[in-house]
N, C-alpha and C. Protein backbone atom coordinates (compact mmCIF):
# COMPACT_ATOMS: atom_id res chain seq x y z
N UNK A 1 0.84 -1.18 0.00
CA UNK A 1 0.00 0.00 0.00
C UNK A 1 0.88 1.24 0.00
N UNK A 2 0.58 2.14 -0.90
CA UNK A 2 1.28 3.42 -1.00
C UNK A 2 0.24 4.51 -0.86
N UNK A 3 0.54 5.54 -0.10
CA UNK A 3 -0.40 6.64 0.07
C UNK A 3 0.34 7.96 0.01
N UNK A 4 -0.30 8.93 -0.60
CA UNK A 4 0.19 10.29 -0.54
C UNK A 4 -0.58 10.95 0.58
N UNK A 5 0.13 11.50 1.53
CA UNK A 5 -0.51 12.07 2.71
C UNK A 5 -0.80 13.54 2.52
N UNK A 6 -1.91 14.00 3.14
CA UNK A 6 -2.04 15.43 3.35
C UNK A 6 -0.88 15.70 4.28
N UNK A 7 -0.15 16.77 4.10
CA UNK A 7 1.04 16.91 4.94
C UNK A 7 0.73 16.61 6.41
N UNK A 8 1.42 15.62 6.94
CA UNK A 8 1.22 15.13 8.29
C UNK A 8 2.40 15.58 9.13
N UNK A 9 2.15 16.37 10.14
CA UNK A 9 3.21 16.93 10.97
C UNK A 9 3.57 15.95 12.07
N UNK A 10 4.86 15.72 12.24
CA UNK A 10 5.30 14.81 13.31
C UNK A 10 5.10 15.45 14.67
N UNK A 11 4.99 14.61 15.70
CA UNK A 11 4.98 15.09 17.08
C UNK A 11 6.39 15.56 17.42
N UNK A 12 6.55 16.14 18.59
CA UNK A 12 7.88 16.51 19.05
C UNK A 12 8.75 15.26 19.08
N UNK A 13 10.04 15.38 18.73
CA UNK A 13 10.92 14.21 18.82
C UNK A 13 10.95 13.66 20.24
N UNK A 14 11.15 12.35 20.41
CA UNK A 14 11.19 11.77 21.75
C UNK A 14 12.25 12.44 22.62
N UNK A 15 11.93 12.63 23.90
CA UNK A 15 12.80 13.36 24.82
C UNK A 15 14.10 12.63 25.13
N UNK A 16 14.05 11.34 25.39
CA UNK A 16 15.26 10.60 25.79
C UNK A 16 16.33 10.64 24.69
N UNK A 17 16.00 10.33 23.43
CA UNK A 17 17.04 10.42 22.40
C UNK A 17 17.60 11.84 22.26
N UNK A 18 16.78 12.85 22.48
CA UNK A 18 17.28 14.23 22.40
C UNK A 18 18.34 14.46 23.47
N UNK A 19 18.11 13.95 24.67
CA UNK A 19 19.06 14.17 25.77
C UNK A 19 20.40 13.50 25.53
N UNK A 20 20.43 12.44 24.74
CA UNK A 20 21.71 11.76 24.48
C UNK A 20 22.27 12.11 23.10
N UNK A 21 21.74 13.16 22.48
CA UNK A 21 22.29 13.64 21.22
C UNK A 21 21.76 12.98 19.98
N UNK A 22 20.66 12.25 20.06
CA UNK A 22 20.08 11.59 18.89
C UNK A 22 18.72 12.17 18.53
N UNK A 23 18.46 13.40 18.91
CA UNK A 23 17.15 14.00 18.78
C UNK A 23 16.59 14.06 17.38
N UNK A 24 17.45 14.19 16.37
CA UNK A 24 16.93 14.30 15.01
C UNK A 24 16.84 12.94 14.31
N UNK A 25 17.16 11.87 14.99
CA UNK A 25 17.10 10.53 14.37
C UNK A 25 15.73 9.88 14.50
N UNK A 26 14.99 10.20 15.55
CA UNK A 26 13.71 9.55 15.82
C UNK A 26 12.57 10.56 15.79
N UNK A 27 11.43 10.13 15.21
CA UNK A 27 10.25 10.99 15.11
C UNK A 27 9.00 10.15 15.30
N UNK A 28 8.02 10.74 15.98
CA UNK A 28 6.71 10.12 16.12
C UNK A 28 5.75 10.76 15.13
N UNK A 29 4.87 9.95 14.57
CA UNK A 29 3.74 10.44 13.80
C UNK A 29 2.49 9.86 14.43
N UNK A 30 1.47 10.70 14.60
CA UNK A 30 0.24 10.30 15.26
C UNK A 30 -0.83 10.01 14.21
N UNK A 31 -1.45 8.84 14.33
CA UNK A 31 -2.50 8.44 13.40
C UNK A 31 -3.85 9.00 13.78
N UNK A 32 -4.83 8.74 12.94
CA UNK A 32 -6.21 9.16 13.18
C UNK A 32 -6.74 8.60 14.50
N UNK A 33 -6.27 7.41 14.87
CA UNK A 33 -6.70 6.74 16.10
C UNK A 33 -6.14 7.42 17.35
N UNK A 34 -5.15 8.29 17.18
CA UNK A 34 -4.47 8.90 18.31
C UNK A 34 -3.20 8.17 18.69
N UNK A 35 -2.98 7.00 18.11
CA UNK A 35 -1.79 6.22 18.41
C UNK A 35 -0.56 6.87 17.77
N UNK A 36 0.57 6.83 18.50
CA UNK A 36 1.82 7.37 17.97
C UNK A 36 2.70 6.22 17.47
N UNK A 37 3.35 6.46 16.32
CA UNK A 37 4.22 5.47 15.71
C UNK A 37 5.63 6.05 15.63
N UNK A 38 6.63 5.28 16.05
CA UNK A 38 8.01 5.73 16.07
C UNK A 38 8.69 5.37 14.75
N UNK A 39 9.32 6.37 14.15
CA UNK A 39 10.07 6.19 12.91
C UNK A 39 11.51 6.64 13.13
N UNK A 40 12.44 6.02 12.44
CA UNK A 40 13.85 6.36 12.49
C UNK A 40 14.28 6.91 11.14
N UNK A 41 15.09 7.95 11.15
CA UNK A 41 15.60 8.49 9.89
C UNK A 41 16.68 7.57 9.34
N UNK A 42 16.71 7.48 8.03
CA UNK A 42 17.73 6.71 7.32
C UNK A 42 18.19 7.54 6.12
N UNK A 43 19.37 7.21 5.63
CA UNK A 43 19.86 7.89 4.43
C UNK A 43 19.25 7.24 3.20
N UNK A 44 19.22 7.96 2.08
CA UNK A 44 18.69 7.34 0.85
C UNK A 44 19.42 6.05 0.49
N UNK A 45 20.72 5.97 0.77
CA UNK A 45 21.48 4.76 0.47
C UNK A 45 21.06 3.58 1.35
N UNK A 46 20.52 3.83 2.54
CA UNK A 46 20.13 2.76 3.46
C UNK A 46 18.73 2.21 3.19
N UNK A 47 17.93 2.91 2.43
CA UNK A 47 16.54 2.48 2.20
C UNK A 47 16.47 1.05 1.69
N UNK A 48 17.35 0.69 0.80
CA UNK A 48 17.34 -0.66 0.22
C UNK A 48 17.63 -1.77 1.22
N UNK A 49 18.11 -1.40 2.41
CA UNK A 49 18.41 -2.39 3.45
C UNK A 49 17.18 -2.80 4.24
N UNK A 50 16.06 -2.12 4.06
CA UNK A 50 14.89 -2.37 4.88
C UNK A 50 13.86 -3.22 4.14
N UNK A 51 13.37 -4.22 4.84
CA UNK A 51 12.35 -5.14 4.33
C UNK A 51 11.23 -5.20 5.35
N UNK A 52 10.02 -5.45 4.89
CA UNK A 52 8.87 -5.64 5.80
C UNK A 52 8.82 -4.51 6.83
N UNK A 53 8.79 -3.29 6.34
CA UNK A 53 8.78 -2.10 7.19
C UNK A 53 7.80 -1.10 6.59
N UNK A 54 7.65 0.04 7.23
CA UNK A 54 6.86 1.14 6.69
C UNK A 54 7.83 2.30 6.46
N UNK A 55 7.72 2.94 5.31
CA UNK A 55 8.62 4.03 4.97
C UNK A 55 7.82 5.31 4.73
N UNK A 56 8.39 6.42 5.19
CA UNK A 56 7.80 7.75 4.99
C UNK A 56 8.85 8.65 4.36
N UNK A 57 8.41 9.54 3.47
CA UNK A 57 9.27 10.65 3.05
C UNK A 57 8.67 11.92 3.65
N UNK A 58 9.54 12.81 4.05
CA UNK A 58 9.11 14.03 4.73
C UNK A 58 10.07 15.16 4.41
N UNK A 59 9.73 16.32 4.91
CA UNK A 59 10.61 17.49 4.79
C UNK A 59 10.62 18.22 6.13
N UNK A 60 11.69 18.93 6.42
CA UNK A 60 11.78 19.63 7.71
C UNK A 60 10.70 20.67 7.88
N UNK A 61 10.25 20.81 9.11
CA UNK A 61 9.28 21.83 9.52
C UNK A 61 9.87 22.52 10.75
N UNK A 62 9.30 23.64 11.16
CA UNK A 62 9.83 24.34 12.33
C UNK A 62 9.86 23.49 13.59
N UNK A 63 10.81 23.77 14.46
CA UNK A 63 10.87 23.13 15.77
C UNK A 63 11.37 21.70 15.76
N UNK A 64 12.12 21.31 14.73
CA UNK A 64 12.64 19.95 14.68
C UNK A 64 11.62 18.92 14.24
N UNK A 65 10.46 19.36 13.82
CA UNK A 65 9.41 18.44 13.38
C UNK A 65 9.52 18.21 11.89
N UNK A 66 8.75 17.26 11.39
CA UNK A 66 8.77 16.90 9.98
C UNK A 66 7.36 16.93 9.40
N UNK A 67 7.27 17.26 8.12
CA UNK A 67 6.01 17.17 7.38
C UNK A 67 6.11 15.98 6.44
N UNK A 68 5.37 14.92 6.72
CA UNK A 68 5.38 13.72 5.89
C UNK A 68 4.41 13.89 4.74
N UNK A 69 4.79 13.40 3.55
CA UNK A 69 3.89 13.53 2.40
C UNK A 69 3.75 12.25 1.58
N UNK A 70 4.47 11.18 1.94
CA UNK A 70 4.38 9.91 1.21
C UNK A 70 4.66 8.79 2.19
N UNK A 71 3.88 7.71 2.12
CA UNK A 71 4.06 6.58 3.02
C UNK A 71 3.79 5.29 2.26
N UNK A 72 4.54 4.25 2.59
CA UNK A 72 4.34 2.96 1.93
C UNK A 72 4.74 1.82 2.85
N UNK A 73 4.08 0.69 2.66
CA UNK A 73 4.50 -0.56 3.28
C UNK A 73 5.55 -1.14 2.34
N UNK A 74 6.71 -1.49 2.89
CA UNK A 74 7.74 -2.16 2.10
C UNK A 74 7.56 -3.66 2.26
N UNK A 75 7.57 -4.38 1.15
CA UNK A 75 7.37 -5.82 1.20
C UNK A 75 8.65 -6.54 1.62
N UNK A 76 8.63 -7.87 1.57
CA UNK A 76 9.79 -8.64 2.02
C UNK A 76 11.01 -8.48 1.12
N UNK A 77 10.82 -7.81 -0.03
CA UNK A 77 11.93 -7.53 -0.93
C UNK A 77 12.39 -6.07 -0.82
N UNK A 78 11.73 -5.29 0.04
CA UNK A 78 12.09 -3.89 0.21
C UNK A 78 11.45 -2.95 -0.80
N UNK A 79 10.45 -3.45 -1.52
CA UNK A 79 9.73 -2.62 -2.51
C UNK A 79 8.39 -2.19 -1.94
N UNK A 80 7.89 -1.03 -2.35
CA UNK A 80 6.55 -0.65 -1.91
C UNK A 80 5.53 -1.72 -2.30
N UNK A 81 4.73 -2.15 -1.33
CA UNK A 81 3.74 -3.20 -1.56
C UNK A 81 2.56 -2.66 -2.36
N UNK A 82 1.91 -3.51 -3.11
CA UNK A 82 0.74 -3.11 -3.87
C UNK A 82 1.09 -2.85 -5.32
N UNK A 83 0.18 -2.16 -5.99
CA UNK A 83 0.34 -1.92 -7.42
C UNK A 83 1.38 -0.86 -7.75
N UNK A 84 1.57 0.09 -6.87
CA UNK A 84 2.51 1.18 -7.13
C UNK A 84 3.86 0.83 -6.52
N UNK A 85 4.77 0.36 -7.33
CA UNK A 85 6.09 -0.08 -6.85
C UNK A 85 7.14 1.03 -6.94
N UNK A 86 6.74 2.23 -7.33
CA UNK A 86 7.71 3.31 -7.46
C UNK A 86 8.23 3.76 -6.10
N UNK A 87 9.49 4.00 -6.04
CA UNK A 87 10.09 4.58 -4.84
C UNK A 87 9.93 6.09 -4.95
N UNK A 88 9.82 6.74 -3.81
CA UNK A 88 9.72 8.21 -3.87
C UNK A 88 11.04 8.80 -4.33
N UNK A 89 10.95 9.87 -5.03
CA UNK A 89 12.15 10.58 -5.46
C UNK A 89 12.35 11.77 -4.55
N UNK A 90 13.57 12.00 -4.14
CA UNK A 90 13.86 13.17 -3.31
C UNK A 90 13.72 14.40 -4.19
N UNK A 91 12.70 15.18 -3.92
CA UNK A 91 12.46 16.37 -4.72
C UNK A 91 13.41 17.50 -4.35
N UNK A 92 13.93 17.46 -3.16
CA UNK A 92 14.87 18.49 -2.72
C UNK A 92 15.97 17.82 -1.90
N UNK A 93 17.02 18.55 -1.69
CA UNK A 93 18.11 18.04 -0.84
C UNK A 93 17.65 17.91 0.61
N UNK A 94 16.54 18.56 0.96
CA UNK A 94 16.03 18.51 2.33
C UNK A 94 15.19 17.27 2.61
N UNK A 95 14.93 16.44 1.62
CA UNK A 95 14.07 15.26 1.82
C UNK A 95 14.62 14.38 2.93
N UNK A 96 13.71 13.91 3.79
CA UNK A 96 14.06 13.04 4.91
C UNK A 96 13.34 11.72 4.70
N UNK A 97 14.06 10.62 4.87
CA UNK A 97 13.49 9.29 4.72
C UNK A 97 13.44 8.65 6.10
N UNK A 98 12.31 8.03 6.42
CA UNK A 98 12.13 7.42 7.74
C UNK A 98 11.55 6.02 7.58
N UNK A 99 11.89 5.13 8.50
CA UNK A 99 11.33 3.78 8.49
C UNK A 99 10.79 3.43 9.88
N UNK A 100 9.75 2.62 9.86
CA UNK A 100 9.15 2.07 11.08
C UNK A 100 9.30 0.56 10.98
N UNK A 101 10.02 -0.03 11.94
CA UNK A 101 10.30 -1.46 11.89
C UNK A 101 9.67 -2.23 13.04
N UNK A 102 8.76 -1.62 13.77
CA UNK A 102 8.23 -2.23 14.98
C UNK A 102 6.94 -3.01 14.79
N UNK A 103 6.34 -2.98 13.61
CA UNK A 103 5.11 -3.73 13.36
C UNK A 103 5.45 -5.21 13.22
N UNK A 104 4.68 -6.06 13.88
CA UNK A 104 4.97 -7.49 13.92
C UNK A 104 4.49 -8.26 12.68
N UNK A 105 3.58 -7.68 11.91
CA UNK A 105 3.04 -8.41 10.77
C UNK A 105 2.72 -7.44 9.63
N UNK A 106 2.50 -8.03 8.46
CA UNK A 106 2.12 -7.21 7.32
C UNK A 106 0.78 -6.52 7.57
N UNK A 107 -0.14 -7.22 8.22
CA UNK A 107 -1.45 -6.62 8.53
C UNK A 107 -1.27 -5.38 9.42
N UNK A 108 -0.40 -5.46 10.40
CA UNK A 108 -0.14 -4.30 11.26
C UNK A 108 0.46 -3.14 10.46
N UNK A 109 1.34 -3.45 9.51
CA UNK A 109 1.93 -2.39 8.69
C UNK A 109 0.86 -1.70 7.84
N UNK A 110 -0.04 -2.48 7.24
CA UNK A 110 -1.11 -1.89 6.44
C UNK A 110 -2.06 -1.07 7.31
N UNK A 111 -2.35 -1.55 8.52
CA UNK A 111 -3.20 -0.79 9.44
C UNK A 111 -2.54 0.52 9.83
N UNK A 112 -1.23 0.49 10.07
CA UNK A 112 -0.48 1.71 10.42
C UNK A 112 -0.59 2.74 9.30
N UNK A 113 -0.37 2.31 8.07
CA UNK A 113 -0.45 3.23 6.92
C UNK A 113 -1.85 3.81 6.81
N UNK A 114 -2.87 2.97 6.97
CA UNK A 114 -4.25 3.46 6.89
C UNK A 114 -4.53 4.47 8.00
N UNK A 115 -4.03 4.21 9.20
CA UNK A 115 -4.24 5.11 10.34
C UNK A 115 -3.58 6.46 10.08
N UNK A 116 -2.33 6.45 9.60
CA UNK A 116 -1.64 7.72 9.31
C UNK A 116 -2.27 8.45 8.13
N UNK A 117 -2.69 7.70 7.10
CA UNK A 117 -3.29 8.33 5.93
C UNK A 117 -4.62 9.01 6.27
N UNK A 118 -5.31 8.52 7.30
CA UNK A 118 -6.60 9.09 7.70
C UNK A 118 -6.44 10.26 8.67
N UNK A 119 -5.24 10.49 9.17
CA UNK A 119 -5.02 11.52 10.19
C UNK A 119 -4.96 12.91 9.55
N UNK A 120 -5.83 13.81 10.02
CA UNK A 120 -5.71 15.19 9.55
C UNK A 120 -4.48 15.83 10.18
N UNK A 121 -3.92 16.80 9.50
CA UNK A 121 -2.72 17.46 10.00
C UNK A 121 -2.95 18.02 11.39
N UNK A 122 -4.11 18.51 11.68
CA UNK A 122 -4.41 19.10 13.00
C UNK A 122 -4.26 18.08 14.11
N UNK A 123 -4.56 16.82 13.83
CA UNK A 123 -4.42 15.77 14.84
C UNK A 123 -2.97 15.55 15.21
N UNK A 124 -2.08 15.74 14.24
CA UNK A 124 -0.67 15.47 14.48
C UNK A 124 0.04 16.63 15.15
N UNK A 125 -0.56 17.80 15.15
CA UNK A 125 0.12 18.98 15.69
C UNK A 125 0.20 18.98 17.19
């Protein structure tokens, strides 16, 4: 499943990683359900290393937050699942790539994408 998001603003970065100097590596995104999902930033070169995960592309926003605009479930081969197998292209040098690896099953990954895709930007603020 691939979805283009209404720009979804991340929550404040987690406090503990910020205190140990990793504040810009981890970001939460809140779904329509109110549940928060933890994502880790990766470089474009690292994307191919991830399988059975959820991937987001985003851009920086004020206050260390991110605006996500594309999300996909990556299959067991690391490709976006479903009919749209295209990888997102970094439209700017500021593009940020994030992955979520904590979902235990493909069904959970699809539910996560649906939850984030349904979240209005105001919910995430």
